[in-house]
Amino acid sequence: MNPADELVDVIDDAGNTIGVVTRREMRARGLPHRCTYVLVFNHRGELFIHLRTPTKDVNPSLWDVAIGGVLAAGESFDQGMRREIREELGIDADAVELFPVRYADERTSVRAMAYRLNHDGPFELQAEEIVRGEFVPIDDVLQRIEREPFCADGVQVLRDYLKQQA
């Protein structure tokens, strides 16, 4: 199935499902939906960052600090997290739930759940979504965010995570 044809729950401000549309329609109309963010750390505490493919429907060719994505219609946050880890990293793993996320900009509006996964790899990266990825020390990630194009929603999740850890 073409990803644009996948069904997605549309949600209200309280996070309740109020409709189901295709991913294409959700993107075209900027409809609020659910998604997951998974911060992946290795045993040294380095964060896995990855470069998104130029064919992604949102934030093409940007760096991202989190794997994850839009939940399918009827899918729970935990189910979506496991599916995204399997699809994007090629591994079966469970991540630890961190905190709920709300993010909105001119193109998107999401209610999400953030997770932390501890894993050293190796990963089998999903070629349709990820050009390449690497583990990077947090301080270096924060410096790169200032000078390279990163996904703003993931950056918000990382900053919220770091505030909680401080």
Protein backbone atom coordinates (compact mmCIF):
# COMPACT_ATOMS: atom_id res chain seq x y z
CA MET A 1 0.00 0.00 0.00
CA ASN A 2 1.16 3.51 -0.79
CA PRO A 3 1.86 5.28 2.54
CA ALA A 4 -0.35 8.20 1.39
CA ASP A 5 -3.31 5.78 1.28
CA GLU A 6 -2.86 4.51 4.87
CA LEU A 7 -5.75 5.35 7.20
CA VAL A 8 -5.13 7.74 10.09
CA ASP A 9 -7.31 8.79 13.03
CA VAL A 10 -8.19 12.49 13.16
CA ILE A 11 -8.39 13.73 16.75
CA ASP A 12 -9.94 16.60 18.69
CA ASP A 13 -8.15 18.80 21.26
CA ALA A 14 -8.70 16.17 23.95
CA GLY A 15 -7.11 13.46 21.81
CA ASN A 16 -10.38 11.66 21.02
CA THR A 17 -10.82 10.15 17.57
CA ILE A 18 -13.38 12.16 15.58
CA GLY A 19 -12.79 10.71 12.12
CA VAL A 20 -10.62 8.57 9.88
CA VAL A 21 -8.95 9.84 6.70
CA THR A 22 -6.07 8.86 4.44
CA ARG A 23 -2.62 10.07 5.36
CA ARG A 24 -2.68 12.13 2.13
CA GLU A 25 -5.84 13.98 3.24
CA MET A 26 -4.50 14.43 6.78
CA ARG A 27 -1.34 16.06 5.36
CA ALA A 28 -3.19 18.16 2.76
CA ARG A 29 -5.62 19.57 5.36
CA GLY A 30 -3.20 19.72 8.31
CA LEU A 31 -5.53 17.61 10.45
CA PRO A 32 -4.56 16.79 14.04
CA HIS A 33 -3.40 13.19 14.52
CA ARG A 34 -1.37 10.90 16.80
CA CYS A 35 2.25 9.85 16.45
CA THR A 36 5.23 8.50 18.36
CA TYR A 37 8.77 9.74 18.99
CA VAL A 38 11.49 7.29 20.05
CA LEU A 39 14.84 8.62 21.29
CA VAL A 40 17.41 5.85 20.74
CA PHE A 41 20.49 5.81 22.97
CA ASN A 42 23.45 3.43 23.00
CA HIS A 43 25.22 2.20 26.15
CA ARG A 44 27.54 5.25 26.06
CA GLY A 45 24.56 7.60 26.23
CA GLU A 46 24.96 8.76 22.63
CA LEU A 47 21.79 9.58 20.68
CA PHE A 48 20.99 7.96 17.33
CA ILE A 49 20.24 10.64 14.75
CA HIS A 50 19.31 10.01 11.15
CA LEU A 51 18.97 11.81 7.84
CA ARG A 52 15.49 11.55 6.34
CA THR A 53 15.07 10.67 2.68
CA PRO A 54 14.16 13.39 0.16
CA THR A 55 10.88 11.53 -0.55
CA LYS A 56 9.41 11.91 2.98
CA ASP A 57 6.04 13.73 2.99
CA VAL A 58 7.10 15.95 5.90
CA ASN A 59 10.58 17.33 6.60
CA PRO A 60 12.34 15.68 3.63
CA SER A 61 16.16 15.63 3.75
CA LEU A 62 16.30 16.93 7.34
CA TRP A 63 18.13 15.36 10.25
CA ASP A 64 15.94 13.83 12.95
CA VAL A 65 16.74 13.01 16.58
CA ALA A 66 13.84 10.56 16.97
CA ILE A 67 12.47 7.65 15.03
CA GLY A 68 8.74 7.09 14.99
CA GLY A 69 5.80 8.35 13.05
CA VAL A 70 2.10 8.64 12.49
CA LEU A 71 -0.15 6.05 14.13
CA ALA A 72 -2.39 3.99 11.89
CA ALA A 73 -6.14 4.27 12.50
CA GLY A 74 -7.02 2.38 15.69
CA GLU A 75 -3.37 1.82 16.66
CA SER A 76 -2.24 2.51 20.25
CA PHE A 77 0.90 4.51 21.05
CA ASP A 78 2.70 1.33 22.21
CA GLN A 79 1.69 -0.58 19.07
CA GLY A 80 2.86 2.32 16.89
CA MET A 81 6.16 2.56 18.78
CA ARG A 82 6.92 -1.14 18.28
CA ARG A 83 5.92 -1.01 14.59
CA GLU A 84 8.06 2.07 13.92
CA ILE A 85 11.11 0.51 15.65
CA ARG A 86 10.65 -2.62 13.55
CA GLU A 87 10.12 -0.69 10.29
CA GLU A 88 12.76 2.02 10.69
CA LEU A 89 15.51 0.18 12.60
CA GLY A 90 14.80 -3.42 11.58
CA ILE A 91 14.75 -4.71 15.16
CA ASP A 92 12.08 -6.02 17.56
CA ALA A 93 12.37 -4.00 20.75
CA ASP A 94 10.28 -2.29 23.40
CA ALA A 95 11.01 1.27 24.43
CA VAL A 96 10.23 2.91 27.78
CA GLU A 97 7.40 5.45 27.79
CA LEU A 98 8.62 8.92 28.76
CA PHE A 99 5.93 11.62 28.46
CA PRO A 100 3.07 12.85 26.28
CA VAL A 101 3.88 15.39 23.58
CA ARG A 102 1.86 18.12 21.90
CA TYR A 103 3.37 19.73 18.84
CA ALA A 104 1.96 22.07 16.23
CA ASP A 105 3.35 24.25 13.50
CA GLU A 106 1.98 25.71 10.27
CA ARG A 107 1.82 22.25 8.62
CA THR A 108 1.07 19.74 11.36
CA SER A 109 -0.67 19.23 14.70
CA VAL A 110 0.03 16.14 16.78
CA ARG A 111 -0.59 14.54 20.12
CA ALA A 112 2.11 12.02 20.70
CA MET A 113 3.99 9.85 23.15
CA ALA A 114 7.75 10.04 23.60
CA TYR A 115 9.79 6.92 24.35
CA ARG A 116 13.39 5.99 25.12
CA LEU A 117 15.03 2.93 23.57
CA ASN A 118 18.43 1.68 24.73
CA HIS A 119 20.10 -0.26 21.92
CA ASP A 120 23.58 -0.39 20.39
CA GLY A 121 22.48 -1.72 17.01
CA PRO A 122 23.35 -2.81 14.47
CA PHE A 123 20.25 -1.53 12.70
CA GLU A 124 18.80 -2.41 9.33
CA LEU A 125 17.63 1.07 8.33
CA GLN A 126 14.48 1.46 6.25
CA ALA A 127 15.76 2.71 2.88
CA GLU A 128 12.45 4.44 2.01
CA GLU A 129 12.71 6.66 5.09
CA ILE A 130 16.33 6.88 6.25
CA VAL A 131 19.42 7.80 4.19
CA ARG A 132 21.87 7.12 7.02
CA GLY A 133 22.16 7.31 10.78
CA GLU A 134 24.78 7.57 13.50
CA PHE A 135 25.18 7.69 17.27
CA VAL A 136 26.33 11.14 18.42
CA PRO A 137 27.13 12.54 21.90
CA ILE A 138 24.28 14.76 23.15
CA ASP A 139 26.45 17.91 23.32
CA ASP A 140 27.44 17.39 19.68
CA VAL A 141 23.79 16.85 18.69
CA LEU A 142 22.83 20.15 20.37
CA GLN A 143 25.62 21.96 18.50
CA ARG A 144 24.59 20.42 15.17
CA ILE A 145 20.96 21.47 15.75
CA GLU A 146 22.18 25.08 15.75
CA ARG A 147 23.89 24.81 12.36
CA GLU A 148 22.17 22.01 10.41
CA PRO A 149 18.52 21.48 9.42
CA PHE A 150 16.75 19.22 11.96
CA CYS A 151 13.05 18.33 12.36
CA ALA A 152 11.61 20.90 14.78
CA ASP A 153 9.19 18.47 16.44
CA GLY A 154 11.95 16.00 17.29
CA VAL A 155 14.13 18.82 18.62
CA GLN A 156 11.26 19.87 20.93
CA VAL A 157 10.97 16.29 22.20
CA LEU A 158 14.73 16.08 22.82
CA ARG A 159 14.80 19.43 24.66
CA ASP A 160 11.82 18.36 26.84
CA TYR A 161 13.59 15.07 27.58
CA LEU A 162 16.82 16.85 28.57
CA LYS A 163 14.91 19.25 30.85
CA GLN A 164 13.34 16.27 32.62
CA GLN A 165 16.77 14.65 33.06
CA ALA A 166 18.36 17.83 34.51
